Amino acid sequence: MTYRKLASVMLGIALLGGTAFAHHAAAVAYFVDKTITVEGVVTEVKWENPHTWVYVEAKDPEGKVVQWSFEGAVPNQLYRRGVTPAVLKPGVKVTIKAHPARDASRNAGEMTEVLGADGKPIHAGLR
């Protein structure tokens, strides 16, 4: 194989490989320059790739119960941080700080900080 052919093959592999590692920017879906705080009770946690999802019931300012969904870190990152299904599970009271979703029709956000009922951090956020 000539050097020119080898270089072409290597370039093709490099270009194709780059798309496999592409990842969306949070700013596409969330206002990364804003932060909201939601206090509530975890109703469900989805431990799936590419990100975990934590669902919370919270009360709005009028006292109405509202459902929230929060995008969290990759499950493997959470396990390495000591966050397991035994730690972050339905029934746990949490305070979540998050970047709010750009889509105002849904109550959602990108978790940046999660605190348990005791005020201690549960390292489930993306940062």
N, C-alpha and C. Protein backbone atom coordinates (compact mmCIF):
# COMPACT_ATOMS: atom_id res chain seq x y z
N MET A 1 0.86 -1.17 0.00
CA MET A 1 0.00 0.00 0.00
C MET A 1 0.90 1.23 0.00
N THR A 2 0.54 2.17 -0.82
CA THR A 2 1.35 3.38 -0.90
C THR A 2 1.04 4.29 0.29
N TYR A 3 1.95 5.21 0.50
CA TYR A 3 1.76 6.15 1.61
C TYR A 3 0.52 7.01 1.40
N ARG A 4 0.24 7.36 0.15
CA ARG A 4 -0.93 8.19 -0.14
C ARG A 4 -2.21 7.43 0.21
N LYS A 5 -2.29 6.15 -0.15
CA LYS A 5 -3.48 5.35 0.17
C LYS A 5 -3.60 5.16 1.69
N LEU A 6 -2.47 4.89 2.32
CA LEU A 6 -2.48 4.71 3.77
C LEU A 6 -2.94 6.00 4.47
N ALA A 7 -2.46 7.14 4.01
CA ALA A 7 -2.86 8.42 4.59
C ALA A 7 -4.35 8.65 4.39
N SER A 8 -4.87 8.29 3.22
CA SER A 8 -6.30 8.46 2.95
C SER A 8 -7.14 7.58 3.86
N VAL A 9 -6.71 6.35 4.05
CA VAL A 9 -7.43 5.43 4.93
C VAL A 9 -7.40 5.95 6.37
N MET A 10 -6.26 6.39 6.82
CA MET A 10 -6.13 6.90 8.19
C MET A 10 -7.00 8.14 8.40
N LEU A 11 -7.02 9.02 7.42
CA LEU A 11 -7.85 10.23 7.51
C LEU A 11 -9.33 9.85 7.58
N GLY A 12 -9.74 8.89 6.75
CA GLY A 12 -11.13 8.43 6.77
C GLY A 12 -11.52 7.84 8.11
N ILE A 13 -10.65 7.05 8.68
CA ILE A 13 -10.92 6.45 10.00
C ILE A 13 -11.03 7.55 11.06
N ALA A 14 -10.13 8.51 11.01
CA ALA A 14 -10.15 9.60 11.99
C ALA A 14 -11.43 10.41 11.88
N LEU A 15 -11.88 10.70 10.67
CA LEU A 15 -13.10 11.48 10.49
C LEU A 15 -14.34 10.71 10.93
N LEU A 16 -14.41 9.45 10.62
CA LEU A 16 -15.56 8.64 11.03
C LEU A 16 -15.57 8.42 12.54
N GLY A 17 -14.40 8.21 13.11
CA GLY A 17 -14.31 7.99 14.55
C GLY A 17 -14.74 9.19 15.36
N GLY A 18 -14.52 10.38 14.85
CA GLY A 18 -14.90 11.59 15.56
C GLY A 18 -16.39 11.70 15.80
N THR A 19 -17.20 11.25 14.85
CA THR A 19 -18.65 11.34 15.02
C THR A 19 -19.14 10.37 16.08
N ALA A 20 -18.42 9.30 16.30
CA ALA A 20 -18.85 8.33 17.32
C ALA A 20 -18.71 8.90 18.72
N PHE A 21 -17.84 9.87 18.89
CA PHE A 21 -17.61 10.45 20.21
C PHE A 21 -18.29 11.81 20.37
N ALA A 22 -19.06 12.21 19.38
CA ALA A 22 -19.74 13.51 19.46
C ALA A 22 -20.76 13.50 20.58
N HIS A 23 -20.95 14.67 21.19
CA HIS A 23 -21.90 14.79 22.29
C HIS A 23 -22.59 16.14 22.17
N HIS A 24 -23.85 16.17 22.50
CA HIS A 24 -24.58 17.43 22.39
C HIS A 24 -24.14 18.41 23.48
N ALA A 25 -24.27 19.67 23.17
CA ALA A 25 -23.96 20.71 24.16
C ALA A 25 -25.21 20.95 25.00
N ALA A 26 -25.03 21.15 26.29
CA ALA A 26 -26.15 21.38 27.19
C ALA A 26 -26.92 22.63 26.81
N ALA A 27 -26.24 23.62 26.25
CA ALA A 27 -26.88 24.88 25.91
C ALA A 27 -27.97 24.73 24.85
N VAL A 28 -27.97 23.64 24.14
CA VAL A 28 -29.01 23.39 23.14
C VAL A 28 -30.35 23.16 23.84
N ALA A 29 -30.35 22.45 24.95
CA ALA A 29 -31.59 22.08 25.63
C ALA A 29 -31.86 22.87 26.91
N TYR A 30 -30.82 23.48 27.49
CA TYR A 30 -30.98 24.12 28.79
C TYR A 30 -30.40 25.53 28.78
N PHE A 31 -30.95 26.39 29.64
CA PHE A 31 -30.39 27.72 29.87
C PHE A 31 -29.24 27.55 30.86
N VAL A 32 -28.02 27.41 30.35
CA VAL A 32 -26.88 27.12 31.22
C VAL A 32 -26.42 28.33 32.03
N ASP A 33 -26.98 29.50 31.73
CA ASP A 33 -26.63 30.70 32.48
C ASP A 33 -27.66 31.01 33.57
N LYS A 34 -28.65 30.13 33.74
CA LYS A 34 -29.68 30.30 34.77
C LYS A 34 -29.71 29.07 35.66
N THR A 35 -30.15 29.25 36.90
CA THR A 35 -30.27 28.13 37.83
C THR A 35 -31.61 28.21 38.54
N ILE A 36 -32.27 27.07 38.66
CA ILE A 36 -33.51 26.98 39.43
C ILE A 36 -33.26 26.04 40.60
N THR A 37 -34.07 26.15 41.64
CA THR A 37 -33.99 25.25 42.78
C THR A 37 -35.37 24.64 42.99
N VAL A 38 -35.41 23.32 43.07
CA VAL A 38 -36.68 22.60 43.26
C VAL A 38 -36.52 21.68 44.46
N GLU A 39 -37.45 21.78 45.40
CA GLU A 39 -37.48 20.89 46.56
C GLU A 39 -38.66 19.95 46.39
N GLY A 40 -38.42 18.65 46.57
CA GLY A 40 -39.50 17.70 46.41
C GLY A 40 -39.08 16.30 46.80
N VAL A 41 -39.89 15.35 46.34
CA VAL A 41 -39.66 13.94 46.65
C VAL A 41 -39.43 13.18 45.34
N VAL A 42 -38.40 12.36 45.32
CA VAL A 42 -38.09 11.54 44.15
C VAL A 42 -39.22 10.53 43.95
N THR A 43 -39.74 10.46 42.73
CA THR A 43 -40.78 9.48 42.40
C THR A 43 -40.24 8.34 41.55
N GLU A 44 -39.17 8.62 40.79
CA GLU A 44 -38.59 7.60 39.91
C GLU A 44 -37.19 8.02 39.53
N VAL A 45 -36.32 7.03 39.32
CA VAL A 45 -34.97 7.28 38.80
C VAL A 45 -34.74 6.27 37.68
N LYS A 46 -34.34 6.78 36.52
CA LYS A 46 -34.00 5.90 35.40
C LYS A 46 -32.49 5.85 35.29
N TRP A 47 -31.93 4.69 35.56
CA TRP A 47 -30.49 4.46 35.51
C TRP A 47 -30.15 3.92 34.13
N GLU A 48 -30.10 4.80 33.13
CA GLU A 48 -29.85 4.35 31.77
C GLU A 48 -28.90 5.30 31.07
N ASN A 49 -28.21 4.78 30.08
CA ASN A 49 -27.31 5.62 29.29
C ASN A 49 -28.11 6.35 28.22
N PRO A 50 -27.73 7.53 27.81
CA PRO A 50 -26.47 8.16 28.14
C PRO A 50 -26.50 8.96 29.44
N HIS A 51 -27.68 9.24 30.01
CA HIS A 51 -27.76 9.98 31.26
C HIS A 51 -28.86 9.41 32.14
N THR A 52 -28.67 9.55 33.44
CA THR A 52 -29.74 9.18 34.36
C THR A 52 -30.81 10.27 34.32
N TRP A 53 -32.03 9.89 34.71
CA TRP A 53 -33.14 10.84 34.83
C TRP A 53 -33.75 10.67 36.20
N VAL A 54 -33.95 11.78 36.88
CA VAL A 54 -34.56 11.78 38.21
C VAL A 54 -35.88 12.55 38.09
N TYR A 55 -36.95 11.89 38.54
CA TYR A 55 -38.28 12.50 38.48
C TYR A 55 -38.70 12.86 39.90
N VAL A 56 -39.20 14.08 40.05
CA VAL A 56 -39.49 14.63 41.37
C VAL A 56 -40.89 15.25 41.38
N GLU A 57 -41.61 15.03 42.48
CA GLU A 57 -42.87 15.73 42.72
C GLU A 57 -42.56 16.89 43.65
N ALA A 58 -42.97 18.09 43.26
CA ALA A 58 -42.72 19.28 44.08
C ALA A 58 -43.98 20.15 44.04
N LYS A 59 -44.07 21.07 44.96
CA LYS A 59 -45.20 21.99 44.98
C LYS A 59 -44.78 23.32 44.36
N ASP A 60 -45.66 23.86 43.52
CA ASP A 60 -45.40 25.18 42.95
C ASP A 60 -45.78 26.25 43.97
N PRO A 61 -45.55 27.52 43.67
CA PRO A 61 -45.85 28.58 44.65
C PRO A 61 -47.30 28.61 45.13
N GLU A 62 -48.23 28.09 44.32
CA GLU A 62 -49.64 28.06 44.73
C GLU A 62 -49.99 26.81 45.53
N GLY A 63 -49.02 25.90 45.71
CA GLY A 63 -49.25 24.68 46.47
C GLY A 63 -49.69 23.50 45.63
N LYS A 64 -49.78 23.67 44.33
CA LYS A 64 -50.17 22.59 43.41
C LYS A 64 -48.98 21.65 43.19
N VAL A 65 -49.23 20.34 43.20
CA VAL A 65 -48.16 19.36 42.98
C VAL A 65 -47.80 19.35 41.49
N VAL A 66 -46.50 19.47 41.24
CA VAL A 66 -45.97 19.53 39.88
C VAL A 66 -44.92 18.45 39.70
N GLN A 67 -44.92 17.82 38.55
CA GLN A 67 -43.92 16.80 38.21
C GLN A 67 -42.73 17.45 37.51
N TRP A 68 -41.53 17.10 37.93
CA TRP A 68 -40.30 17.59 37.32
C TRP A 68 -39.47 16.42 36.83
N SER A 69 -38.70 16.64 35.77
CA SER A 69 -37.73 15.64 35.31
C SER A 69 -36.37 16.34 35.18
N PHE A 70 -35.35 15.65 35.69
CA PHE A 70 -34.00 16.22 35.70
C PHE A 70 -33.02 15.24 35.08
N GLU A 71 -32.21 15.76 34.17
CA GLU A 71 -31.16 14.97 33.53
C GLU A 71 -29.93 15.00 34.42
N GLY A 72 -29.37 13.82 34.67
CA GLY A 72 -28.19 13.73 35.53
C GLY A 72 -27.01 13.13 34.80
N ALA A 73 -26.03 12.75 35.57
CA ALA A 73 -24.79 12.19 35.02
C ALA A 73 -25.00 10.78 34.48
N VAL A 74 -23.99 10.29 33.83
CA VAL A 74 -23.96 8.92 33.31
C VAL A 74 -24.01 7.96 34.50
N PRO A 75 -24.78 6.86 34.41
CA PRO A 75 -24.86 5.94 35.56
C PRO A 75 -23.50 5.50 36.10
N ASN A 76 -22.55 5.21 35.23
CA ASN A 76 -21.24 4.76 35.69
C ASN A 76 -20.55 5.84 36.52
N GLN A 77 -20.70 7.10 36.15
CA GLN A 77 -20.12 8.20 36.93
C GLN A 77 -20.75 8.24 38.32
N LEU A 78 -22.07 8.03 38.38
CA LEU A 78 -22.75 8.06 39.67
C LEU A 78 -22.25 6.94 40.57
N TYR A 79 -22.13 5.74 40.03
CA TYR A 79 -21.62 4.62 40.83
C TYR A 79 -20.23 4.93 41.37
N ARG A 80 -19.36 5.52 40.53
CA ARG A 80 -18.01 5.87 40.98
C ARG A 80 -18.04 6.92 42.08
N ARG A 81 -19.07 7.77 42.09
CA ARG A 81 -19.21 8.80 43.13
C ARG A 81 -19.91 8.27 44.38
N GLY A 82 -20.33 7.00 44.35
CA GLY A 82 -21.02 6.42 45.50
C GLY A 82 -22.53 6.59 45.48
N VAL A 83 -23.06 7.07 44.36
CA VAL A 83 -24.51 7.24 44.22
C VAL A 83 -25.05 6.00 43.53
N THR A 84 -25.84 5.24 44.27
CA THR A 84 -26.41 3.98 43.78
C THR A 84 -27.93 4.05 43.90
N PRO A 85 -28.63 3.05 43.34
CA PRO A 85 -30.09 3.02 43.51
C PRO A 85 -30.53 2.97 44.98
N ALA A 86 -29.66 2.56 45.88
CA ALA A 86 -30.00 2.56 47.31
C ALA A 86 -29.92 3.97 47.90
N VAL A 87 -29.18 4.88 47.24
CA VAL A 87 -29.01 6.25 47.73
C VAL A 87 -30.05 7.18 47.12
N LEU A 88 -30.18 7.12 45.81
CA LEU A 88 -31.09 7.99 45.09
C LEU A 88 -32.25 7.13 44.59
N LYS A 89 -33.34 7.15 45.34
CA LYS A 89 -34.46 6.24 45.06
C LYS A 89 -35.78 6.93 45.36
N PRO A 90 -36.88 6.37 44.89
CA PRO A 90 -38.20 6.94 45.18
C PRO A 90 -38.42 7.08 46.69
N GLY A 91 -39.02 8.21 47.05
CA GLY A 91 -39.31 8.49 48.44
C GLY A 91 -38.30 9.39 49.12
N VAL A 92 -37.12 9.57 48.51
CA VAL A 92 -36.07 10.41 49.08
C VAL A 92 -36.42 11.88 48.84
N LYS A 93 -36.34 12.69 49.90
CA LYS A 93 -36.56 14.12 49.77
C LYS A 93 -35.26 14.77 49.30
N VAL A 94 -35.37 15.63 48.29
CA VAL A 94 -34.19 16.25 47.71
C VAL A 94 -34.42 17.73 47.43
N THR A 95 -33.33 18.43 47.33
CA THR A 95 -33.31 19.79 46.81
C THR A 95 -32.39 19.73 45.60
N ILE A 96 -32.92 20.09 44.44
CA ILE A 96 -32.15 20.00 43.21
C ILE A 96 -31.93 21.40 42.64
N LYS A 97 -30.68 21.70 42.34
CA LYS A 97 -30.34 22.92 41.60
C LYS A 97 -30.06 22.47 40.18
N ALA A 98 -30.62 23.21 39.22
CA ALA A 98 -30.52 22.77 37.83
C ALA A 98 -30.59 23.95 36.88
N HIS A 99 -30.10 23.70 35.68
CA HIS A 99 -30.29 24.64 34.59
C HIS A 99 -31.66 24.32 33.99
N PRO A 100 -32.56 25.30 33.89
CA PRO A 100 -33.91 25.00 33.39
C PRO A 100 -33.93 24.69 31.90
N ALA A 101 -34.90 23.88 31.50
CA ALA A 101 -35.06 23.52 30.09
C ALA A 101 -35.46 24.74 29.27
N ARG A 102 -34.98 24.81 28.06
CA ARG A 102 -35.37 25.88 27.15
C ARG A 102 -36.83 25.73 26.74
N ASP A 103 -37.31 24.51 26.68
CA ASP A 103 -38.70 24.22 26.34
C ASP A 103 -39.57 24.51 27.57
N ALA A 104 -40.21 25.66 27.58
CA ALA A 104 -40.98 26.10 28.75
C ALA A 104 -42.25 25.28 28.96
N SER A 105 -42.60 24.42 28.02
CA SER A 105 -43.82 23.62 28.17
C SER A 105 -43.62 22.43 29.10
N ARG A 106 -42.40 22.19 29.52
CA ARG A 106 -42.15 21.07 30.43
C ARG A 106 -41.31 21.52 31.63
N ASN A 107 -41.56 20.91 32.74
CA ASN A 107 -40.80 21.18 33.96
C ASN A 107 -39.59 20.25 33.96
N ALA A 108 -38.48 20.75 33.49
CA ALA A 108 -37.29 19.90 33.36
C ALA A 108 -36.04 20.73 33.54
N GLY A 109 -34.94 20.04 33.80
CA GLY A 109 -33.68 20.72 33.94
C GLY A 109 -32.51 19.78 33.91
N GLU A 110 -31.32 20.37 33.83
CA GLU A 110 -30.06 19.64 33.88
C GLU A 110 -29.51 19.81 35.29
N MET A 111 -29.48 18.72 36.06
CA MET A 111 -29.03 18.81 37.45
C MET A 111 -27.59 19.27 37.57
N THR A 112 -27.37 20.22 38.45
CA THR A 112 -26.01 20.65 38.75
C THR A 112 -25.64 20.30 40.19
N GLU A 113 -26.65 20.23 41.06
CA GLU A 113 -26.41 19.90 42.47
C GLU A 113 -27.66 19.23 43.03
N VAL A 114 -27.43 18.20 43.85
CA VAL A 114 -28.53 17.51 44.52
C VAL A 114 -28.17 17.39 46.00
N LEU A 115 -29.09 17.83 46.84
CA LEU A 115 -28.90 17.71 48.28
C LEU A 115 -29.97 16.82 48.85
N GLY A 116 -29.59 15.95 49.79
CA GLY A 116 -30.55 15.10 50.48
C GLY A 116 -31.32 15.91 51.52
N ALA A 117 -32.28 15.27 52.17
CA ALA A 117 -33.10 15.94 53.19
C ALA A 117 -32.24 16.47 54.33
N ASP A 118 -31.08 15.83 54.56
CA ASP A 118 -30.17 16.27 55.63
C ASP A 118 -29.23 17.41 55.19
N GLY A 119 -29.38 17.83 53.93
CA GLY A 119 -28.55 18.91 53.42
C GLY A 119 -27.21 18.45 52.85
N LYS A 120 -26.94 17.15 52.96
CA LYS A 120 -25.67 16.63 52.44
C LYS A 120 -25.77 16.41 50.92
N PRO A 121 -24.68 16.64 50.20
CA PRO A 121 -24.72 16.48 48.75
C PRO A 121 -24.87 15.02 48.33
N ILE A 122 -25.69 14.82 47.32
CA ILE A 122 -25.78 13.54 46.61
C ILE A 122 -25.20 13.86 45.24
N HIS A 123 -24.06 13.35 44.91
CA HIS A 123 -23.31 13.77 43.73
C HIS A 123 -23.88 13.16 42.46
N ALA A 124 -25.10 13.60 42.10
CA ALA A 124 -25.80 13.05 40.95
C ALA A 124 -25.87 14.00 39.77
N GLY A 125 -25.42 15.23 39.96
CA GLY A 125 -25.49 16.22 38.88
C GLY A 125 -24.46 15.98 37.80
N LEU A 126 -24.63 16.69 36.71
CA LEU A 126 -23.73 16.54 35.59
C LEU A 126 -22.36 17.19 35.83
N ARG A 127 -22.27 18.10 36.73
CA ARG A 127 -21.00 18.80 36.97
C ARG A 127 -20.36 18.31 38.24
